[in-house]
Structures are given as structure tokens and as C-alpha cells.
Amino acid sequence: MKNILTAVVLFLMSNTVFAEQINIIVTGSTKGSTNAIAQLIAKDSQSGKFNGIKLNAIAPGNACKGFALVKQQNGNTFVTHYENYYQLVSKMKNDPACPYVSFENAKPIVSKVQGLYLVVNTNGQGTELDKFSNTKLKIGYSGSSDVEKGWHNQLNKAFGNNHVFVGYNGSSKMRAGIASGEVDAVWTTYSHYLRLTKQKDQYKILLRTLPELDVDAPILAQHFDNKKLTRAFLGTWYVFNDKDNIAKIISQSLEQDFKNNTGEFGTYANNKKLILFFDQQTQVDMEKTLSWGQYSSEPNG
């Protein structure tokens, strides 16, 4: 009889149907991909995909307002988004109006990874990595904080050169910079590389930080035999104050939709060819290996 009761309890636990509303807080602009993904995940939840867990997407307007709202949750269970580059910059600035949030005790659901590519303007001429290494050039970045500058200094040491750092306020301005000849090369994502090639067929990838796509270019860390040079934009959705395995339930459902190209999120992710990870330990490990803070100027580093 005892065994029967135990089996019944385990069955009920494994088939728990949630009936509560949980906020999914957008830490980005209302027009960006972070909000787009949040709205899609919320739609999937409302359709019953997460075993009754209902998510209500809240978009305050930008990242700073989003993290300010996160700070006000006071122990409630909620979902929000983390981006490794943004969080390090926020930590370094220590601005109360744009607060830094620790994700140490939160549980990851799904992670999106974007590697970086060293794109050069060939101007119709062949460009080789050795030539790049030995020629002092201006290199553009989408930001101008100490985060990018620290990585740039590491790269200069690896190249044995003194390439000039040029920081822009955003990727669109960075693309305009290389298109106009203001800089000779940029570190950017693959999607921005494709935007450049649509304008003119004179851009080439010389290096990449991850083996994420089939690109004919050396991988940075392997080329210099230095894993600490690796950088990527890592964005992860987390559950704060998890209970009853909410993070695991949502993650497993999203992973299934991604594999089957079903659901709002799964269809979007496949159409956008997103590189996603769902295994919790893998996501935790990536936060360390893809960190932007792998240089001595990083606080507490």
C-alpha cells in the first residue's frame, strides 16, 4: 500500500499543472531582439506549452529600466534576460540609474551565443592574416568602454602590433565607419558582416572567436594558443527564485520546439538561425569561458 501511495505522489508531482502568472521582464529596447523573444516565449506560455506556467511579458522601454524593475522584485519568481557584455559594463560603471544585477543564484533556461569576427575592408585587394598582423591599422568596435579597450590591448599583445582602437556608439555607426574607410577593420557579429557584404563585395573575415559557423578563417584562441582571448556575446534567459523546477520545465519545452521547429519561439529561432544552448551546466560554463572580463582591469578579476 505504501508503494502505491508513493507512486501516486510521484506521478502527481511529475504532472503538476501550474496556474500562476509569472512576469518575464525585458532588459532591452522594445524594438530589439530581447523583447521580440520575450513576447514569443510569453505567447508559447499562454498556449499551454509550459505545463500551465503563464508568463506575462513586461517591457519598461530599455535595459536600465528593465534592471531597475528586476531590483524591485523582492523575492518573487520571475524570468529575465542576461547579456554578458552589458552586465560587465554595468558593473564597471556602477550607476544607480542603470543598476548591475547579480545572476549568481538564478537558473538558466536558454542561452544565445554570437561569436565575433575580424572583418577587413580589402578594397578589392587580397588580404592575408600575416599582412594584417604586421600593418598598423585602425580597428573599430561597437562600443568604447574599458571592456572593449581591455580586449583590444590583449589582442595587440598577441599580434605584436599597436593597432589603433576606434570605439563607436553602436554597430550601425561601426558599419558606417568601415564602409567610409574611417577604419580598416572591425570586430563584429556575423549578421553585421553579412550587412556589409550586401553593400559592397569587398569585405573578408580574417579571424573568428568561435567555431559556431562554417567560415574559412582561423579561430582566435587556437591561432594564438590563448583561450583567454575568446569573446562572444552571450545572452541567457534566467528564472529568479525558481520553485517546482519552473526553469527546467520551460527550458525543456523550448528545446523541443527548437528541435522540431514548432511553437512561436522555436520557429523564430530556426528562421533566425540562432545558436542556442539548453543544458544548464553548459550555460554556466560558457559564462566563464566567454566572459568579456578576462583581463586585469576587470573589477575583482
C-alpha atoms as a PDB file:
ATOM      1  CA  MET A   1       0.000   0.000   0.000  1.00  0.00           C
ATOM      2  CA  LYS A   2       2.864   2.319   0.886  1.00  0.00           C
ATOM      3  CA  ASN A   3       4.481   1.736  -2.507  1.00  0.00           C
ATOM      4  CA  ILE A   4       1.210   2.540  -4.272  1.00  0.00           C
ATOM      5  CA  LEU A   5       0.838   5.831  -2.368  1.00  0.00           C
ATOM      6  CA  THR A   6       4.452   6.755  -3.159  1.00  0.00           C
ATOM      7  CA  ALA A   7       3.891   6.081  -6.853  1.00  0.00           C
ATOM      8  CA  VAL A   8       0.762   8.220  -6.865  1.00  0.00           C
ATOM      9  CA  VAL A   9       2.575  11.128  -5.180  1.00  0.00           C
ATOM     10  CA  LEU A  10       5.469  10.932  -7.667  1.00  0.00           C
ATOM     11  CA  PHE A  11       3.021  10.843 -10.570  1.00  0.00           C
ATOM     12  CA  LEU A  12       1.206  13.918  -9.316  1.00  0.00           C
ATOM     13  CA  MET A  13       4.483  15.777  -8.764  1.00  0.00           C
ATOM     14  CA  SER A  14       5.699  14.998 -12.269  1.00  0.00           C
ATOM     15  CA  ASN A  15       2.418  16.154 -13.769  1.00  0.00           C
ATOM     16  CA  THR A  16       1.930  19.315 -11.750  1.00  0.00           C
ATOM     17  CA  VAL A  17      -0.065  21.918 -13.644  1.00  0.00           C
ATOM     18  CA  PHE A  18       0.809  25.481 -12.713  1.00  0.00           C
ATOM     19  CA  ALA A  19      -1.821  28.186 -12.678  1.00  0.00           C
ATOM     20  CA  GLU A  20       0.144  31.267 -11.674  1.00  0.00           C
ATOM     21  CA  GLN A  21       1.232  34.267 -13.717  1.00  0.00           C
ATOM     22  CA  ILE A  22       4.977  34.955 -13.750  1.00  0.00           C
ATOM     23  CA  ASN A  23       6.491  38.118 -15.180  1.00  0.00           C
ATOM     24  CA  ILE A  24       9.121  37.935 -17.895  1.00  0.00           C
ATOM     25  CA  ILE A  25      10.974  41.254 -17.645  1.00  0.00           C
ATOM     26  CA  VAL A  26      12.581  42.662 -20.797  1.00  0.00           C
ATOM     27  CA  THR A  27      16.007  44.209 -20.199  1.00  0.00           C
ATOM     28  CA  GLY A  28      16.314  45.832 -23.610  1.00  0.00           C
ATOM     29  CA  SER A  29      14.567  48.159 -26.021  1.00  0.00           C
ATOM     30  CA  THR A  30      11.032  47.479 -27.172  1.00  0.00           C
ATOM     31  CA  LYS A  31      12.315  47.197 -30.762  1.00  0.00           C
ATOM     32  CA  GLY A  32      15.162  44.771 -30.103  1.00  0.00           C
ATOM     33  CA  SER A  33      15.513  41.002 -30.272  1.00  0.00           C
ATOM     34  CA  THR A  34      15.355  40.666 -26.469  1.00  0.00           C
ATOM     35  CA  ASN A  35      11.806  41.993 -26.419  1.00  0.00           C
ATOM     36  CA  ALA A  36      10.879  40.004 -29.523  1.00  0.00           C
ATOM     37  CA  ILE A  37      11.988  36.745 -27.892  1.00  0.00           C
ATOM     38  CA  ALA A  38      10.273  37.612 -24.596  1.00  0.00           C
ATOM     39  CA  GLN A  39       6.970  38.219 -26.355  1.00  0.00           C
ATOM     40  CA  LEU A  40       7.259  34.913 -28.253  1.00  0.00           C
ATOM     41  CA  ILE A  41       8.076  32.928 -25.118  1.00  0.00           C
ATOM     42  CA  ALA A  42       5.112  34.578 -23.383  1.00  0.00           C
ATOM     43  CA  LYS A  43       2.834  33.577 -26.281  1.00  0.00           C
ATOM     44  CA  ASP A  44       4.056  29.989 -26.033  1.00  0.00           C
ATOM     45  CA  SER A  45       3.284  30.011 -22.320  1.00  0.00           C
ATOM     46  CA  GLN A  46      -0.224  31.314 -22.887  1.00  0.00           C
ATOM     47  CA  SER A  47      -0.850  28.486 -25.369  1.00  0.00           C
ATOM     48  CA  GLY A  48      -0.151  25.949 -22.630  1.00  0.00           C
ATOM     49  CA  LYS A  49       3.293  24.780 -23.703  1.00  0.00           C
ATOM     50  CA  PHE A  50       4.884  25.115 -20.257  1.00  0.00           C
ATOM     51  CA  ASN A  51       2.599  22.807 -18.299  1.00  0.00           C
ATOM     52  CA  GLY A  52       0.369  25.655 -17.212  1.00  0.00           C
ATOM     53  CA  ILE A  53       3.130  28.160 -16.373  1.00  0.00           C
ATOM     54  CA  LYS A  54       1.902  31.518 -17.694  1.00  0.00           C
ATOM     55  CA  LEU A  55       4.392  34.260 -18.488  1.00  0.00           C
ATOM     56  CA  ASN A  56       3.430  37.912 -18.738  1.00  0.00           C
ATOM     57  CA  ALA A  57       5.957  39.960 -20.765  1.00  0.00           C
ATOM     58  CA  ILE A  58       6.776  43.397 -19.333  1.00  0.00           C
ATOM     59  CA  ALA A  59       8.894  45.794 -21.421  1.00  0.00           C
ATOM     60  CA  PRO A  60       9.749  49.007 -19.486  1.00  0.00           C
ATOM     61  CA  GLY A  61      11.498  50.506 -22.520  1.00  0.00           C
ATOM     62  CA  ASN A  62      15.245  49.908 -22.195  1.00  0.00           C
ATOM     63  CA  ALA A  63      17.833  47.825 -20.371  1.00  0.00           C
ATOM     64  CA  CYS A  64      18.341  50.267 -17.499  1.00  0.00           C
ATOM     65  CA  LYS A  65      14.617  50.454 -16.728  1.00  0.00           C
ATOM     66  CA  GLY A  66      14.390  46.691 -17.030  1.00  0.00           C
ATOM     67  CA  PHE A  67      17.128  46.015 -14.487  1.00  0.00           C
ATOM     68  CA  ALA A  68      15.697  48.678 -12.181  1.00  0.00           C
ATOM     69  CA  LEU A  69      12.441  46.706 -12.275  1.00  0.00           C
ATOM     70  CA  VAL A  70      14.331  43.476 -11.627  1.00  0.00           C
ATOM     71  CA  LYS A  71      15.788  45.048  -8.480  1.00  0.00           C
ATOM     72  CA  GLN A  72      12.248  45.652  -7.189  1.00  0.00           C
ATOM     73  CA  GLN A  73      11.015  42.036  -7.333  1.00  0.00           C
ATOM     74  CA  ASN A  74      11.645  41.298  -3.643  1.00  0.00           C
ATOM     75  CA  GLY A  75      11.832  37.520  -3.778  1.00  0.00           C
ATOM     76  CA  ASN A  76       9.127  36.959  -6.399  1.00  0.00           C
ATOM     77  CA  THR A  77       9.614  34.294  -9.042  1.00  0.00           C
ATOM     78  CA  PHE A  78      10.230  35.908 -12.443  1.00  0.00           C
ATOM     79  CA  VAL A  79      12.119  35.484 -15.721  1.00  0.00           C
ATOM     80  CA  THR A  80      14.577  37.987 -17.174  1.00  0.00           C
ATOM     81  CA  HIS A  81      17.456  38.297 -19.611  1.00  0.00           C
ATOM     82  CA  TYR A  82      21.206  38.496 -19.013  1.00  0.00           C
ATOM     83  CA  GLU A  83      23.835  39.655 -21.513  1.00  0.00           C
ATOM     84  CA  ASN A  84      27.470  39.152 -20.545  1.00  0.00           C
ATOM     85  CA  TYR A  85      28.836  42.287 -22.212  1.00  0.00           C
ATOM     86  CA  TYR A  86      26.116  44.609 -20.891  1.00  0.00           C
ATOM     87  CA  GLN A  87      26.342  43.288 -17.349  1.00  0.00           C
ATOM     88  CA  LEU A  88      30.111  43.762 -17.156  1.00  0.00           C
ATOM     89  CA  VAL A  89      29.838  47.344 -18.430  1.00  0.00           C
ATOM     90  CA  SER A  90      27.068  47.991 -15.907  1.00  0.00           C
ATOM     91  CA  LYS A  91      29.184  46.574 -13.092  1.00  0.00           C
ATOM     92  CA  MET A  92      32.144  48.753 -14.065  1.00  0.00           C
ATOM     93  CA  LYS A  93      30.054  51.919 -14.321  1.00  0.00           C
ATOM     94  CA  ASN A  94      28.254  51.265 -11.018  1.00  0.00           C
ATOM     95  CA  ASP A  95      25.488  53.687 -11.992  1.00  0.00           C
ATOM     96  CA  PRO A  96      22.391  53.523  -9.706  1.00  0.00           C
ATOM     97  CA  ALA A  97      20.231  54.688 -12.626  1.00  0.00           C
ATOM     98  CA  CYS A  98      21.367  51.662 -14.628  1.00  0.00           C
ATOM     99  CA  PRO A  99      21.876  49.012 -11.942  1.00  0.00           C
ATOM    100  CA  TYR A 100      24.032  45.930 -12.035  1.00  0.00           C
ATOM    101  CA  VAL A 101      22.190  42.723 -11.168  1.00  0.00           C
ATOM    102  CA  SER A 102      23.806  39.525  -9.905  1.00  0.00           C
ATOM    103  CA  PHE A 103      22.548  36.341 -11.579  1.00  0.00           C
ATOM    104  CA  GLU A 104      24.538  34.059  -9.287  1.00  0.00           C
ATOM    105  CA  ASN A 105      21.556  32.231  -7.787  1.00  0.00           C
ATOM    106  CA  ALA A 106      19.266  32.327 -10.838  1.00  0.00           C
ATOM    107  CA  LYS A 107      18.689  29.264 -13.038  1.00  0.00           C
ATOM    108  CA  PRO A 108      19.325  29.437 -16.811  1.00  0.00           C
ATOM    109  CA  ILE A 109      16.669  28.452 -19.358  1.00  0.00           C
ATOM    110  CA  VAL A 110      18.224  29.033 -22.772  1.00  0.00           C
ATOM    111  CA  SER A 111      21.387  30.783 -23.987  1.00  0.00           C
ATOM    112  CA  LYS A 112      22.039  32.504 -27.304  1.00  0.00           C
ATOM    113  CA  VAL A 113      25.645  32.859 -28.439  1.00  0.00           C
ATOM    114  CA  GLN A 114      27.082  35.216 -31.044  1.00  0.00           C
ATOM    115  CA  GLY A 115      30.784  34.970 -31.815  1.00  0.00           C
ATOM    116  CA  LEU A 116      32.850  37.859 -33.136  1.00  0.00           C
ATOM    117  CA  TYR A 117      34.575  38.169 -36.498  1.00  0.00           C
ATOM    118  CA  LEU A 118      37.523  40.307 -37.543  1.00  0.00           C
ATOM    119  CA  VAL A 119      36.262  41.836 -40.784  1.00  0.00           C
ATOM    120  CA  VAL A 120      38.630  43.817 -43.016  1.00  0.00           C
ATOM    121  CA  ASN A 121      37.938  46.067 -45.983  1.00  0.00           C
ATOM    122  CA  THR A 122      40.044  44.593 -48.774  1.00  0.00           C
ATOM    123  CA  ASN A 123      39.408  47.488 -51.198  1.00  0.00           C
ATOM    124  CA  GLY A 124      39.489  44.957 -53.987  1.00  0.00           C
ATOM    125  CA  GLN A 125      42.895  43.609 -52.946  1.00  0.00           C
ATOM    126  CA  GLY A 126      43.821  40.336 -51.329  1.00  0.00           C
ATOM    127  CA  THR A 127      44.262  40.477 -47.558  1.00  0.00           C
ATOM    128  CA  GLU A 128      46.113  37.872 -45.515  1.00  0.00           C
ATOM    129  CA  LEU A 129      46.291  37.491 -41.762  1.00  0.00           C
ATOM    130  CA  ASP A 130      50.099  37.893 -41.676  1.00  0.00           C
ATOM    131  CA  LYS A 131      49.862  41.170 -43.570  1.00  0.00           C
ATOM    132  CA  PHE A 132      47.186  42.370 -41.148  1.00  0.00           C
ATOM    133  CA  SER A 133      49.309  41.443 -38.160  1.00  0.00           C
ATOM    134  CA  ASN A 134      52.333  43.357 -39.457  1.00  0.00           C
ATOM    135  CA  THR A 135      50.489  46.512 -40.575  1.00  0.00           C
ATOM    136  CA  LYS A 136      49.283  49.122 -38.099  1.00  0.00           C
ATOM    137  CA  LEU A 137      45.564  49.578 -38.756  1.00  0.00           C
ATOM    138  CA  LYS A 138      42.536  51.252 -37.219  1.00  0.00           C
ATOM    139  CA  ILE A 139      40.119  48.696 -35.763  1.00  0.00           C
ATOM    140  CA  GLY A 140      36.514  49.588 -34.994  1.00  0.00           C
ATOM    141  CA  TYR A 141      34.339  48.305 -32.137  1.00  0.00           C
ATOM    142  CA  SER A 142      30.631  48.827 -31.471  1.00  0.00           C
ATOM    143  CA  GLY A 143      31.399  50.316 -28.027  1.00  0.00           C
ATOM    144  CA  SER A 144      34.099  52.411 -26.428  1.00  0.00           C
ATOM    145  CA  SER A 145      34.165  51.298 -22.794  1.00  0.00           C
ATOM    146  CA  ASP A 146      37.100  49.776 -20.920  1.00  0.00           C
ATOM    147  CA  VAL A 147      35.594  46.385 -21.777  1.00  0.00           C
ATOM    148  CA  GLU A 148      36.453  46.686 -25.484  1.00  0.00           C
ATOM    149  CA  LYS A 149      39.685  48.561 -24.783  1.00  0.00           C
ATOM    150  CA  GLY A 150      40.902  45.805 -22.468  1.00  0.00           C
ATOM    151  CA  TRP A 151      40.305  43.145 -25.100  1.00  0.00           C
ATOM    152  CA  HIS A 152      41.903  45.333 -27.793  1.00  0.00           C
ATOM    153  CA  ASN A 153      45.054  45.663 -25.685  1.00  0.00           C
ATOM    154  CA  GLN A 154      45.173  41.888 -25.253  1.00  0.00           C
ATOM    155  CA  LEU A 155      44.852  41.429 -29.000  1.00  0.00           C
ATOM    156  CA  ASN A 156      47.627  43.923 -29.704  1.00  0.00           C
ATOM    157  CA  LYS A 157      49.940  41.906 -27.458  1.00  0.00           C
ATOM    158  CA  ALA A 158      49.012  38.755 -29.332  1.00  0.00           C
ATOM    159  CA  PHE A 159      49.536  40.411 -32.727  1.00  0.00           C
ATOM    160  CA  GLY A 160      52.752  42.065 -31.603  1.00  0.00           C
ATOM    161  CA  ASN A 161      51.428  45.310 -33.038  1.00  0.00           C
ATOM    162  CA  ASN A 162      49.871  48.586 -31.953  1.00  0.00           C
ATOM    163  CA  HIS A 163      46.602  48.642 -33.888  1.00  0.00           C
ATOM    164  CA  VAL A 164      44.565  51.766 -33.152  1.00  0.00           C
ATOM    165  CA  PHE A 165      41.363  51.407 -31.130  1.00  0.00           C
ATOM    166  CA  VAL A 166      38.279  53.192 -32.516  1.00  0.00           C
ATOM    167  CA  GLY A 167      35.088  52.937 -30.484  1.00  0.00           C
ATOM    168  CA  TYR A 168      31.621  53.652 -31.885  1.00  0.00           C
ATOM    169  CA  ASN A 169      28.253  54.148 -30.264  1.00  0.00           C
ATOM    170  CA  GLY A 170      26.541  51.112 -31.714  1.00  0.00           C
ATOM    171  CA  SER A 171      27.005  48.611 -34.533  1.00  0.00           C
ATOM    172  CA  SER A 172      25.329  50.715 -37.232  1.00  0.00           C
ATOM    173  CA  LYS A 173      27.847  53.531 -36.726  1.00  0.00           C
ATOM    174  CA  MET A 174      30.650  50.989 -36.707  1.00  0.00           C
ATOM    175  CA  ARG A 175      29.481  49.610 -40.061  1.00  0.00           C
ATOM    176  CA  ALA A 176      29.357  53.139 -41.451  1.00  0.00           C
ATOM    177  CA  GLY A 177      32.908  53.645 -40.195  1.00  0.00           C
ATOM    178  CA  ILE A 178      34.387  50.751 -42.140  1.00  0.00           C
ATOM    179  CA  ALA A 179      32.214  51.466 -45.193  1.00  0.00           C
ATOM    180  CA  SER A 180      33.539  55.041 -45.359  1.00  0.00           C
ATOM    181  CA  GLY A 181      37.143  53.986 -44.800  1.00  0.00           C
ATOM    182  CA  GLU A 182      37.354  55.637 -41.390  1.00  0.00           C
ATOM    183  CA  VAL A 183      38.614  52.315 -40.017  1.00  0.00           C
ATOM    184  CA  ASP A 184      40.387  49.465 -41.763  1.00  0.00           C
ATOM    185  CA  ALA A 185      38.746  46.603 -39.878  1.00  0.00           C
ATOM    186  CA  VAL A 186      36.049  45.850 -37.283  1.00  0.00           C
ATOM    187  CA  TRP A 187      35.282  43.188 -34.719  1.00  0.00           C
ATOM    188  CA  THR A 188      31.613  42.414 -35.259  1.00  0.00           C
ATOM    189  CA  THR A 189      28.993  39.662 -35.354  1.00  0.00           C
ATOM    190  CA  TYR A 190      28.310  37.531 -38.423  1.00  0.00           C
ATOM    191  CA  SER A 191      24.969  39.232 -39.055  1.00  0.00           C
ATOM    192  CA  HIS A 192      26.678  42.633 -39.304  1.00  0.00           C
ATOM    193  CA  TYR A 193      29.298  41.138 -41.614  1.00  0.00           C
ATOM    194  CA  LEU A 194      26.503  39.993 -43.912  1.00  0.00           C
ATOM    195  CA  ARG A 195      25.022  43.504 -43.895  1.00  0.00           C
ATOM    196  CA  LEU A 196      28.365  44.887 -45.003  1.00  0.00           C
ATOM    197  CA  THR A 197      28.716  42.384 -47.850  1.00  0.00           C
ATOM    198  CA  LYS A 198      25.251  43.332 -49.110  1.00  0.00           C
ATOM    199  CA  GLN A 199      26.523  46.886 -49.593  1.00  0.00           C
ATOM    200  CA  LYS A 200      29.839  46.004 -51.263  1.00  0.00           C
ATOM    201  CA  ASP A 201      31.626  42.772 -52.033  1.00  0.00           C
ATOM    202  CA  GLN A 202      34.959  43.852 -50.582  1.00  0.00           C
ATOM    203  CA  TYR A 203      34.955  42.514 -47.049  1.00  0.00           C
ATOM    204  CA  LYS A 204      36.755  39.462 -45.724  1.00  0.00           C
ATOM    205  CA  ILE A 205      36.778  37.609 -42.395  1.00  0.00           C
ATOM    206  CA  LEU A 206      40.330  37.086 -41.119  1.00  0.00           C
ATOM    207  CA  LEU A 207      39.647  35.675 -37.644  1.00  0.00           C
ATOM    208  CA  ARG A 208      36.719  34.426 -35.577  1.00  0.00           C
ATOM    209  CA  THR A 209      36.280  33.840 -31.866  1.00  0.00           C
ATOM    210  CA  LEU A 210      34.109  30.700 -32.019  1.00  0.00           C
ATOM    211  CA  PRO A 211      33.711  27.703 -34.365  1.00  0.00           C
ATOM    212  CA  GLU A 212      29.963  28.390 -34.481  1.00  0.00           C
ATOM    213  CA  LEU A 213      29.588  28.744 -38.252  1.00  0.00           C
ATOM    214  CA  ASP A 214      31.285  27.208 -41.290  1.00  0.00           C
ATOM    215  CA  VAL A 215      33.614  30.127 -42.005  1.00  0.00           C
ATOM    216  CA  ASP A 216      37.027  29.859 -43.669  1.00  0.00           C
ATOM    217  CA  ALA A 217      39.031  31.712 -41.022  1.00  0.00           C
ATOM    218  CA  PRO A 218      41.228  30.669 -38.064  1.00  0.00           C
ATOM    219  CA  ILE A 219      39.746  30.580 -34.557  1.00  0.00           C
ATOM    220  CA  LEU A 220      41.364  33.295 -32.456  1.00  0.00           C
ATOM    221  CA  ALA A 221      42.204  31.268 -29.327  1.00  0.00           C
ATOM    222  CA  GLN A 222      43.653  28.412 -31.379  1.00  0.00           C
ATOM    223  CA  HIS A 223      45.653  30.706 -33.652  1.00  0.00           C
ATOM    224  CA  PHE A 224      47.401  32.342 -30.686  1.00  0.00           C
ATOM    225  CA  ASP A 225      47.119  29.313 -28.356  1.00  0.00           C
ATOM    226  CA  ASN A 226      45.455  31.515 -25.748  1.00  0.00           C
ATOM    227  CA  LYS A 227      41.939  30.651 -24.579  1.00  0.00           C
ATOM    228  CA  LYS A 228      41.668  33.913 -22.626  1.00  0.00           C
ATOM    229  CA  LEU A 229      41.370  35.831 -25.899  1.00  0.00           C
ATOM    230  CA  THR A 230      37.951  34.276 -26.592  1.00  0.00           C
ATOM    231  CA  ARG A 231      34.991  36.659 -26.527  1.00  0.00           C
ATOM    232  CA  ALA A 232      31.351  36.337 -27.544  1.00  0.00           C
ATOM    233  CA  PHE A 233      28.016  37.968 -26.882  1.00  0.00           C
ATOM    234  CA  LEU A 234      26.239  35.552 -24.552  1.00  0.00           C
ATOM    235  CA  GLY A 235      22.582  36.218 -23.809  1.00  0.00           C
ATOM    236  CA  THR A 236      20.701  33.961 -21.383  1.00  0.00           C
ATOM    237  CA  TRP A 237      17.138  33.845 -20.073  1.00  0.00           C
ATOM    238  CA  TYR A 238      17.065  33.086 -16.347  1.00  0.00           C
ATOM    239  CA  VAL A 239      14.456  32.228 -13.716  1.00  0.00           C
ATOM    240  CA  PHE A 240      14.933  34.057 -10.424  1.00  0.00           C
ATOM    241  CA  ASN A 241      13.683  32.431  -7.226  1.00  0.00           C
ATOM    242  CA  ASP A 242      12.856  29.207  -9.012  1.00  0.00           C
ATOM    243  CA  LYS A 243      10.405  26.758  -7.463  1.00  0.00           C
ATOM    244  CA  ASP A 244       8.938  23.451  -8.588  1.00  0.00           C
ATOM    245  CA  ASN A 245      11.513  23.207 -11.435  1.00  0.00           C
ATOM    246  CA  ILE A 246       9.971  26.066 -13.419  1.00  0.00           C
ATOM    247  CA  ALA A 247      13.277  26.781 -15.211  1.00  0.00           C
ATOM    248  CA  LYS A 248      13.679  23.132 -16.231  1.00  0.00           C
ATOM    249  CA  ILE A 249      10.083  22.841 -17.479  1.00  0.00           C
ATOM    250  CA  ILE A 250      10.346  25.972 -19.639  1.00  0.00           C
ATOM    251  CA  SER A 251      13.811  25.026 -20.906  1.00  0.00           C
ATOM    252  CA  GLN A 252      12.790  21.515 -21.960  1.00  0.00           C
ATOM    253  CA  SER A 253       9.736  22.826 -23.787  1.00  0.00           C
ATOM    254  CA  LEU A 254      11.734  25.494 -25.650  1.00  0.00           C
ATOM    255  CA  GLU A 255      14.408  22.955 -26.574  1.00  0.00           C
ATOM    256  CA  GLN A 256      11.804  20.587 -28.006  1.00  0.00           C
ATOM    257  CA  ASP A 257      10.229  23.365 -30.068  1.00  0.00           C
ATOM    258  CA  PHE A 258      13.668  24.437 -31.298  1.00  0.00           C
ATOM    259  CA  LYS A 259      14.483  20.896 -32.441  1.00  0.00           C
ATOM    260  CA  ASN A 260      11.076  20.429 -34.098  1.00  0.00           C
ATOM    261  CA  ASN A 261      10.739  23.963 -35.491  1.00  0.00           C
ATOM    262  CA  THR A 262       7.440  24.379 -33.668  1.00  0.00           C
ATOM    263  CA  GLY A 263       5.922  27.000 -31.395  1.00  0.00           C
ATOM    264  CA  GLU A 264       6.432  30.752 -31.554  1.00  0.00           C
ATOM    265  CA  PHE A 265       9.954  30.676 -30.111  1.00  0.00           C
ATOM    266  CA  GLY A 266      11.094  27.532 -31.949  1.00  0.00           C
ATOM    267  CA  THR A 267      10.007  28.846 -35.347  1.00  0.00           C
ATOM    268  CA  TYR A 268      11.629  32.241 -34.748  1.00  0.00           C
ATOM    269  CA  ALA A 269      14.906  30.701 -33.548  1.00  0.00           C
ATOM    270  CA  ASN A 270      15.172  28.455 -36.592  1.00  0.00           C
ATOM    271  CA  ASN A 271      14.290  31.231 -39.040  1.00  0.00           C
ATOM    272  CA  LYS A 272      16.967  33.444 -37.490  1.00  0.00           C
ATOM    273  CA  LYS A 273      19.442  30.521 -37.375  1.00  0.00           C
ATOM    274  CA  LEU A 274      20.153  31.226 -33.704  1.00  0.00           C
ATOM    275  CA  ILE A 275      22.880  29.245 -31.951  1.00  0.00           C
ATOM    276  CA  LEU A 276      21.225  28.068 -28.739  1.00  0.00           C
ATOM    277  CA  PHE A 277      22.164  26.010 -25.684  1.00  0.00           C
ATOM    278  CA  PHE A 278      19.747  24.479 -23.186  1.00  0.00           C
ATOM    279  CA  ASP A 279      21.937  22.341 -20.918  1.00  0.00           C
ATOM    280  CA  GLN A 280      22.288  24.137 -17.583  1.00  0.00           C
ATOM    281  CA  GLN A 281      25.892  23.131 -16.885  1.00  0.00           C
ATOM    282  CA  THR A 282      26.940  24.136 -20.408  1.00  0.00           C
ATOM    283  CA  GLN A 283      25.328  27.522 -19.941  1.00  0.00           C
ATOM    284  CA  VAL A 284      27.072  28.062 -16.599  1.00  0.00           C
ATOM    285  CA  ASP A 285      30.442  27.070 -18.095  1.00  0.00           C
ATOM    286  CA  MET A 286      30.002  29.400 -21.081  1.00  0.00           C
ATOM    287  CA  GLU A 287      29.544  32.358 -18.767  1.00  0.00           C
ATOM    288  CA  LYS A 288      33.119  31.805 -17.609  1.00  0.00           C
ATOM    289  CA  THR A 289      34.811  30.876 -20.877  1.00  0.00           C
ATOM    290  CA  LEU A 290      33.137  33.594 -22.993  1.00  0.00           C
ATOM    291  CA  SER A 291      33.478  36.370 -20.427  1.00  0.00           C
ATOM    292  CA  TRP A 292      34.481  39.864 -21.525  1.00  0.00           C
ATOM    293  CA  GLY A 293      36.277  40.359 -18.219  1.00  0.00           C
ATOM    294  CA  GLN A 294      39.293  38.137 -18.864  1.00  0.00           C
ATOM    295  CA  TYR A 295      41.829  40.912 -18.377  1.00  0.00           C
ATOM    296  CA  SER A 296      43.470  42.500 -15.356  1.00  0.00           C
ATOM    297  CA  SER A 297      41.493  45.782 -15.435  1.00  0.00           C
ATOM    298  CA  GLU A 298      38.192  43.963 -14.764  1.00  0.00           C
ATOM    299  CA  PRO A 299      36.943  44.731 -11.228  1.00  0.00           C
ATOM    300  CA  ASN A 300      37.521  41.879  -8.778  1.00  0.00           C
ATOM    301  CA  GLY A 301      39.114  39.920 -11.620  1.00  0.00           C
END
